[in-house]
Amino acid sequence: MEVMNNGLGSADSEGYNRVDKFDDEKTEKLTLLYRSVLDTLGEDATREGLEQTPIRVAKSMQFLTQGYGIQPEEIIASAKFKEDYQEMVIVKDIDLFSLCEHHLIPFLGKAHVAYIPNGYITGLSKIARVVEAYARRLQVQERLTMQIRDCLQSTLDPLGVAVVIEAKHLCMVMRGVQKQNSVTTTSAFTGEFLNNVSTREEFIHLIGVRLT
């Protein structure tokens, strides 16, 4: 069994470096829209503190939704290797940031992903990249959980996939019921994790274990 903690940062052991790219046409359109939003809210979009805010938000939104331009299946396919290994592989504590599609307010937390290989494995960092690719879209946590599960199942055809996401939704913290400490947990399983109680319980136990 292999367990890996993976918090996404600006660079990893494979030499990945984040590059922010923005579409000029989208930036221009979004800038005008956000300037209009500020005016509608009663602000002066030309004052010093807000003068550059519309273009900053325009670029920010493109970065936060860049997952629309990424095919998660291709991420897995780029590092798919034949291997005679049929024990559980877990990548846990993957940092996750997304935007709730209902209010465009962030939710953030951790994803824990496991699979049991059936002839093929994938690079461990690729699992974290799949999580990020789906998270960088307008989302609901339930759909996000299933999309990660289905991507691994369809590309690797493993004996089973397990995904658990724990997240705090700022739409609950900042507005609505305003519950400061609430955490939402979602799960999705296939194969051995769905049909074998002991396998599922082992996974749940292991994602709760903290390495010393």
C-alpha atoms as a PDB file:
ATOM      1  CA  MET A   1       0.000   0.000   0.000  1.00  0.00           C
ATOM      2  CA  GLU A   2       1.307   3.452  -0.913  1.00  0.00           C
ATOM      3  CA  VAL A   3       0.280   6.654   0.857  1.00  0.00           C
ATOM      4  CA  MET A   4       1.273  10.134  -0.200  1.00  0.00           C
ATOM      5  CA  ASN A   5       0.492  13.569   1.221  1.00  0.00           C
ATOM      6  CA  ASN A   6       0.213  16.070  -1.603  1.00  0.00           C
ATOM      7  CA  GLY A   7      -0.484  19.759  -1.081  1.00  0.00           C
ATOM      8  CA  LEU A   8      -0.356  21.642  -4.365  1.00  0.00           C
ATOM      9  CA  GLY A   9       2.148  24.464  -4.492  1.00  0.00           C
ATOM     10  CA  SER A  10       3.797  26.597  -7.138  1.00  0.00           C
ATOM     11  CA  ALA A  11       6.308  23.882  -8.015  1.00  0.00           C
ATOM     12  CA  ASP A  12       6.746  20.148  -7.497  1.00  0.00           C
ATOM     13  CA  SER A  13       9.447  17.523  -7.862  1.00  0.00           C
ATOM     14  CA  GLU A  14       8.675  17.202 -11.557  1.00  0.00           C
ATOM     15  CA  GLY A  15       9.668  20.808 -12.135  1.00  0.00           C
ATOM     16  CA  TYR A  16       6.104  22.062 -12.594  1.00  0.00           C
ATOM     17  CA  ASN A  17       5.882  25.842 -12.483  1.00  0.00           C
ATOM     18  CA  ARG A  18       2.638  27.731 -12.597  1.00  0.00           C
ATOM     19  CA  VAL A  19       2.251  30.045 -15.570  1.00  0.00           C
ATOM     20  CA  ASP A  20      -0.628  32.507 -15.543  1.00  0.00           C
ATOM     21  CA  LYS A  21      -1.992  33.048 -19.052  1.00  0.00           C
ATOM     22  CA  PHE A  22      -4.897  35.329 -19.808  1.00  0.00           C
ATOM     23  CA  ASP A  23      -7.017  35.767 -22.893  1.00  0.00           C
ATOM     24  CA  ASP A  24      -6.888  39.453 -23.861  1.00  0.00           C
ATOM     25  CA  GLU A  25     -10.433  39.490 -25.234  1.00  0.00           C
ATOM     26  CA  LYS A  26     -11.866  37.831 -22.129  1.00  0.00           C
ATOM     27  CA  THR A  27      -9.870  40.158 -19.888  1.00  0.00           C
ATOM     28  CA  GLU A  28     -11.243  43.219 -21.652  1.00  0.00           C
ATOM     29  CA  LYS A  29     -14.853  42.008 -21.519  1.00  0.00           C
ATOM     30  CA  LEU A  30     -14.656  40.947 -17.883  1.00  0.00           C
ATOM     31  CA  THR A  31     -12.963  44.208 -16.892  1.00  0.00           C
ATOM     32  CA  LEU A  32     -15.856  46.203 -18.313  1.00  0.00           C
ATOM     33  CA  LEU A  33     -18.372  43.966 -16.555  1.00  0.00           C
ATOM     34  CA  TYR A  34     -16.693  44.235 -13.156  1.00  0.00           C
ATOM     35  CA  ARG A  35     -16.358  48.003 -13.520  1.00  0.00           C
ATOM     36  CA  SER A  36     -20.109  48.085 -14.129  1.00  0.00           C
ATOM     37  CA  VAL A  37     -20.658  45.913 -11.038  1.00  0.00           C
ATOM     38  CA  LEU A  38     -18.725  48.378  -8.888  1.00  0.00           C
ATOM     39  CA  ASP A  39     -20.731  51.286 -10.272  1.00  0.00           C
ATOM     40  CA  THR A  40     -23.997  49.407  -9.673  1.00  0.00           C
ATOM     41  CA  LEU A  41     -23.004  48.767  -6.046  1.00  0.00           C
ATOM     42  CA  GLY A  42     -22.620  52.523  -5.574  1.00  0.00           C
ATOM     43  CA  GLU A  43     -18.836  52.635  -5.637  1.00  0.00           C
ATOM     44  CA  ASP A  44     -16.589  54.947  -7.628  1.00  0.00           C
ATOM     45  CA  ALA A  45     -14.653  52.612  -9.908  1.00  0.00           C
ATOM     46  CA  THR A  46     -12.261  55.437 -10.816  1.00  0.00           C
ATOM     47  CA  ARG A  47     -11.005  56.120  -7.286  1.00  0.00           C
ATOM     48  CA  GLU A  48      -7.439  55.113  -6.441  1.00  0.00           C
ATOM     49  CA  GLY A  49      -8.235  51.968  -4.468  1.00  0.00           C
ATOM     50  CA  LEU A  50     -10.578  50.555  -7.105  1.00  0.00           C
ATOM     51  CA  GLU A  51      -9.069  51.833 -10.334  1.00  0.00           C
ATOM     52  CA  GLN A  52      -7.240  48.576 -11.099  1.00  0.00           C
ATOM     53  CA  THR A  53      -9.699  46.265  -9.334  1.00  0.00           C
ATOM     54  CA  PRO A  54     -11.804  45.351 -12.401  1.00  0.00           C
ATOM     55  CA  ILE A  55      -8.807  44.092 -14.391  1.00  0.00           C
ATOM     56  CA  ARG A  56      -7.391  42.302 -11.348  1.00  0.00           C
ATOM     57  CA  VAL A  57     -10.695  40.495 -10.811  1.00  0.00           C
ATOM     58  CA  ALA A  58     -10.942  39.727 -14.533  1.00  0.00           C
ATOM     59  CA  LYS A  59      -7.579  37.964 -14.407  1.00  0.00           C
ATOM     60  CA  SER A  60      -8.358  36.327 -11.080  1.00  0.00           C
ATOM     61  CA  MET A  61     -11.564  34.766 -12.394  1.00  0.00           C
ATOM     62  CA  GLN A  62      -9.758  33.378 -15.429  1.00  0.00           C
ATOM     63  CA  PHE A  63      -7.177  31.765 -13.156  1.00  0.00           C
ATOM     64  CA  LEU A  64      -9.793  30.357 -10.770  1.00  0.00           C
ATOM     65  CA  THR A  65     -11.738  28.794 -13.661  1.00  0.00           C
ATOM     66  CA  GLN A  66      -8.805  27.622 -15.798  1.00  0.00           C
ATOM     67  CA  GLY A  67      -9.958  24.023 -15.359  1.00  0.00           C
ATOM     68  CA  TYR A  68     -12.346  24.469 -18.281  1.00  0.00           C
ATOM     69  CA  GLY A  69      -9.329  24.429 -20.592  1.00  0.00           C
ATOM     70  CA  ILE A  70      -7.837  21.253 -19.115  1.00  0.00           C
ATOM     71  CA  GLN A  71      -8.751  17.656 -19.947  1.00  0.00           C
ATOM     72  CA  PRO A  72      -8.204  15.624 -16.745  1.00  0.00           C
ATOM     73  CA  GLU A  73      -8.239  12.332 -18.670  1.00  0.00           C
ATOM     74  CA  GLU A  74      -5.198  13.528 -20.622  1.00  0.00           C
ATOM     75  CA  ILE A  75      -3.371  14.226 -17.362  1.00  0.00           C
ATOM     76  CA  ILE A  76      -3.736  10.586 -16.328  1.00  0.00           C
ATOM     77  CA  ALA A  77      -2.956   9.280 -19.827  1.00  0.00           C
ATOM     78  CA  SER A  78       0.310  11.245 -19.864  1.00  0.00           C
ATOM     79  CA  ALA A  79       1.648   9.114 -17.002  1.00  0.00           C
ATOM     80  CA  LYS A  80      -0.034   5.705 -17.302  1.00  0.00           C
ATOM     81  CA  PHE A  81       2.280   2.767 -16.712  1.00  0.00           C
ATOM     82  CA  LYS A  82       1.873  -1.003 -16.720  1.00  0.00           C
ATOM     83  CA  GLU A  83       2.550  -2.411 -13.263  1.00  0.00           C
ATOM     84  CA  ASP A  84       1.682  -5.648 -11.506  1.00  0.00           C
ATOM     85  CA  TYR A  85       0.501  -4.004  -8.288  1.00  0.00           C
ATOM     86  CA  GLN A  86      -2.932  -4.594  -6.778  1.00  0.00           C
ATOM     87  CA  GLU A  87      -2.774  -2.943  -3.370  1.00  0.00           C
ATOM     88  CA  MET A  88      -4.405   0.311  -2.359  1.00  0.00           C
ATOM     89  CA  VAL A  89      -2.741   3.540  -3.490  1.00  0.00           C
ATOM     90  CA  ILE A  90      -3.795   6.634  -1.553  1.00  0.00           C
ATOM     91  CA  VAL A  91      -3.013  10.289  -2.202  1.00  0.00           C
ATOM     92  CA  LYS A  92      -4.458  12.187   0.727  1.00  0.00           C
ATOM     93  CA  ASP A  93      -4.643  15.761   2.000  1.00  0.00           C
ATOM     94  CA  ILE A  94      -4.689  17.286  -1.491  1.00  0.00           C
ATOM     95  CA  ASP A  95      -5.339  20.997  -1.055  1.00  0.00           C
ATOM     96  CA  LEU A  96      -8.514  22.000  -2.841  1.00  0.00           C
ATOM     97  CA  PHE A  97      -9.889  25.431  -3.738  1.00  0.00           C
ATOM     98  CA  SER A  98     -12.995  25.959  -5.839  1.00  0.00           C
ATOM     99  CA  LEU A  99     -15.871  28.372  -6.470  1.00  0.00           C
ATOM    100  CA  CYS A 100     -19.432  27.485  -5.523  1.00  0.00           C
ATOM    101  CA  GLU A 101     -21.504  27.861  -8.674  1.00  0.00           C
ATOM    102  CA  HIS A 102     -24.513  29.143  -6.713  1.00  0.00           C
ATOM    103  CA  HIS A 103     -22.894  32.284  -5.276  1.00  0.00           C
ATOM    104  CA  LEU A 104     -19.388  32.416  -6.825  1.00  0.00           C
ATOM    105  CA  ILE A 105     -17.979  32.270  -3.298  1.00  0.00           C
ATOM    106  CA  PRO A 106     -15.039  29.952  -2.541  1.00  0.00           C
ATOM    107  CA  PHE A 107     -15.080  26.606  -0.830  1.00  0.00           C
ATOM    108  CA  LEU A 108     -11.824  25.035   0.269  1.00  0.00           C
ATOM    109  CA  GLY A 109     -10.549  21.923   1.953  1.00  0.00           C
ATOM    110  CA  LYS A 110      -8.856  18.582   1.325  1.00  0.00           C
ATOM    111  CA  ALA A 111      -9.388  15.734  -1.109  1.00  0.00           C
ATOM    112  CA  HIS A 112      -8.404  12.142  -0.375  1.00  0.00           C
ATOM    113  CA  VAL A 113      -8.178   9.830  -3.392  1.00  0.00           C
ATOM    114  CA  ALA A 114      -7.427   6.103  -3.582  1.00  0.00           C
ATOM    115  CA  TYR A 115      -7.481   3.408  -6.235  1.00  0.00           C
ATOM    116  CA  ILE A 116      -6.605  -0.269  -6.501  1.00  0.00           C
ATOM    117  CA  PRO A 117      -4.624  -0.850  -9.722  1.00  0.00           C
ATOM    118  CA  ASN A 118      -5.638  -3.467 -12.235  1.00  0.00           C
ATOM    119  CA  GLY A 119      -2.586  -3.624 -14.470  1.00  0.00           C
ATOM    120  CA  TYR A 120      -1.950   0.134 -14.673  1.00  0.00           C
ATOM    121  CA  ILE A 121      -0.797   2.853 -12.300  1.00  0.00           C
ATOM    122  CA  THR A 122      -0.399   6.601 -12.770  1.00  0.00           C
ATOM    123  CA  GLY A 123       2.029   9.213 -11.480  1.00  0.00           C
ATOM    124  CA  LEU A 124       1.033  10.279  -7.970  1.00  0.00           C
ATOM    125  CA  SER A 125       1.190  13.978  -8.772  1.00  0.00           C
ATOM    126  CA  LYS A 126      -1.222  13.415 -11.662  1.00  0.00           C
ATOM    127  CA  ILE A 127      -3.982  12.552  -9.199  1.00  0.00           C
ATOM    128  CA  ALA A 128      -3.490  15.910  -7.497  1.00  0.00           C
ATOM    129  CA  ARG A 129      -3.555  17.596 -10.915  1.00  0.00           C
ATOM    130  CA  VAL A 130      -6.880  15.915 -11.723  1.00  0.00           C
ATOM    131  CA  VAL A 131      -8.338  17.257  -8.481  1.00  0.00           C
ATOM    132  CA  GLU A 132      -7.107  20.747  -9.345  1.00  0.00           C
ATOM    133  CA  ALA A 133      -8.395  20.581 -12.931  1.00  0.00           C
ATOM    134  CA  TYR A 134     -11.942  19.829 -11.803  1.00  0.00           C
ATOM    135  CA  ALA A 135     -11.782  22.208  -8.840  1.00  0.00           C
ATOM    136  CA  ARG A 136     -10.803  25.144 -11.062  1.00  0.00           C
ATOM    137  CA  ARG A 137     -14.335  25.343 -12.432  1.00  0.00           C
ATOM    138  CA  LEU A 138     -17.642  26.579 -11.073  1.00  0.00           C
ATOM    139  CA  GLN A 139     -18.604  23.634  -8.914  1.00  0.00           C
ATOM    140  CA  VAL A 140     -20.717  21.941  -6.319  1.00  0.00           C
ATOM    141  CA  GLN A 141     -18.832  19.615  -3.999  1.00  0.00           C
ATOM    142  CA  GLU A 142     -21.006  16.614  -4.806  1.00  0.00           C
ATOM    143  CA  ARG A 143     -20.305  16.812  -8.550  1.00  0.00           C
ATOM    144  CA  LEU A 144     -16.613  17.485  -8.000  1.00  0.00           C
ATOM    145  CA  THR A 145     -16.318  14.304  -5.928  1.00  0.00           C
ATOM    146  CA  MET A 146     -17.936  12.189  -8.636  1.00  0.00           C
ATOM    147  CA  GLN A 147     -15.946  13.751 -11.473  1.00  0.00           C
ATOM    148  CA  ILE A 148     -12.641  12.851  -9.822  1.00  0.00           C
ATOM    149  CA  ARG A 149     -13.876   9.305  -9.192  1.00  0.00           C
ATOM    150  CA  ASP A 150     -15.156   8.820 -12.728  1.00  0.00           C
ATOM    151  CA  CYS A 151     -11.977  10.195 -14.331  1.00  0.00           C
ATOM    152  CA  LEU A 152      -9.766   7.666 -12.548  1.00  0.00           C
ATOM    153  CA  GLN A 153     -12.186   4.826 -13.166  1.00  0.00           C
ATOM    154  CA  SER A 154     -12.488   5.487 -16.899  1.00  0.00           C
ATOM    155  CA  THR A 155      -8.800   6.124 -17.599  1.00  0.00           C
ATOM    156  CA  LEU A 156      -7.139   3.454 -15.418  1.00  0.00           C
ATOM    157  CA  ASP A 157      -9.922   0.842 -15.208  1.00  0.00           C
ATOM    158  CA  PRO A 158      -8.814  -0.036 -11.654  1.00  0.00           C
ATOM    159  CA  LEU A 159     -10.401  -2.560  -9.308  1.00  0.00           C
ATOM    160  CA  GLY A 160     -11.908   0.350  -7.419  1.00  0.00           C
ATOM    161  CA  VAL A 161     -11.729   4.099  -6.760  1.00  0.00           C
ATOM    162  CA  ALA A 162     -12.471   6.031  -3.572  1.00  0.00           C
ATOM    163  CA  VAL A 163     -12.768   9.801  -3.211  1.00  0.00           C
ATOM    164  CA  VAL A 164     -13.538  11.774  -0.051  1.00  0.00           C
ATOM    165  CA  ILE A 165     -13.645  15.572   0.056  1.00  0.00           C
ATOM    166  CA  GLU A 166     -13.831  17.643   3.242  1.00  0.00           C
ATOM    167  CA  ALA A 167     -14.473  21.336   2.634  1.00  0.00           C
ATOM    168  CA  LYS A 168     -15.573  24.545   4.277  1.00  0.00           C
ATOM    169  CA  HIS A 169     -18.002  26.595   2.199  1.00  0.00           C
ATOM    170  CA  LEU A 170     -17.650  30.330   2.667  1.00  0.00           C
ATOM    171  CA  CYS A 171     -21.201  30.829   1.403  1.00  0.00           C
ATOM    172  CA  MET A 172     -22.266  29.166   4.687  1.00  0.00           C
ATOM    173  CA  VAL A 173     -19.697  31.035   6.754  1.00  0.00           C
ATOM    174  CA  MET A 174     -20.163  34.548   5.325  1.00  0.00           C
ATOM    175  CA  ARG A 175     -23.855  34.584   4.386  1.00  0.00           C
ATOM    176  CA  GLY A 176     -26.979  32.440   4.752  1.00  0.00           C
ATOM    177  CA  VAL A 177     -26.874  30.459   8.003  1.00  0.00           C
ATOM    178  CA  GLN A 178     -23.416  31.903   8.888  1.00  0.00           C
ATOM    179  CA  LYS A 179     -22.141  28.777  10.616  1.00  0.00           C
ATOM    180  CA  GLN A 180     -18.449  29.406  11.151  1.00  0.00           C
ATOM    181  CA  ASN A 181     -17.164  25.890  11.815  1.00  0.00           C
ATOM    182  CA  SER A 182     -19.275  23.706   9.553  1.00  0.00           C
ATOM    183  CA  VAL A 183     -17.446  21.258   7.275  1.00  0.00           C
ATOM    184  CA  THR A 184     -19.089  19.344   4.422  1.00  0.00           C
ATOM    185  CA  THR A 185     -17.891  15.809   3.642  1.00  0.00           C
ATOM    186  CA  THR A 186     -18.732  13.986   0.413  1.00  0.00           C
ATOM    187  CA  SER A 187     -17.650  10.558  -0.810  1.00  0.00           C
ATOM    188  CA  ALA A 188     -17.838   8.477  -3.970  1.00  0.00           C
ATOM    189  CA  PHE A 189     -16.764   4.864  -4.510  1.00  0.00           C
ATOM    190  CA  THR A 190     -16.512   2.240  -7.229  1.00  0.00           C
ATOM    191  CA  GLY A 191     -15.582  -1.434  -7.376  1.00  0.00           C
ATOM    192  CA  GLU A 192     -13.900  -2.889  -4.307  1.00  0.00           C
ATOM    193  CA  PHE A 193     -14.438   0.265  -2.267  1.00  0.00           C
ATOM    194  CA  LEU A 194     -18.156   0.127  -2.986  1.00  0.00           C
ATOM    195  CA  ASN A 195     -18.683  -3.614  -2.606  1.00  0.00           C
ATOM    196  CA  ASN A 196     -16.161  -4.583   0.073  1.00  0.00           C
ATOM    197  CA  VAL A 197     -16.847  -3.070   3.495  1.00  0.00           C
ATOM    198  CA  SER A 198     -13.411  -3.943   4.908  1.00  0.00           C
ATOM    199  CA  THR A 199     -11.629  -2.265   1.974  1.00  0.00           C
ATOM    200  CA  ARG A 200     -13.717   0.859   2.393  1.00  0.00           C
ATOM    201  CA  GLU A 201     -13.105   0.906   6.149  1.00  0.00           C
ATOM    202  CA  GLU A 202      -9.346   0.520   5.614  1.00  0.00           C
ATOM    203  CA  PHE A 203      -9.391   3.543   3.313  1.00  0.00           C
ATOM    204  CA  ILE A 204     -11.396   5.644   5.795  1.00  0.00           C
ATOM    205  CA  HIS A 205      -9.009   4.658   8.584  1.00  0.00           C
ATOM    206  CA  LEU A 206      -5.889   5.478   6.578  1.00  0.00           C
ATOM    207  CA  ILE A 207      -6.990   8.941   5.478  1.00  0.00           C
ATOM    208  CA  GLY A 208      -7.515   9.767   9.148  1.00  0.00           C
ATOM    209  CA  VAL A 209      -4.024   8.638  10.179  1.00  0.00           C
ATOM    210  CA  ARG A 210      -1.444  11.378  10.564  1.00  0.00           C
ATOM    211  CA  LEU A 211       2.157  10.448   9.761  1.00  0.00           C
ATOM    212  CA  THR A 212       4.704  11.413  12.409  1.00  0.00           C
END
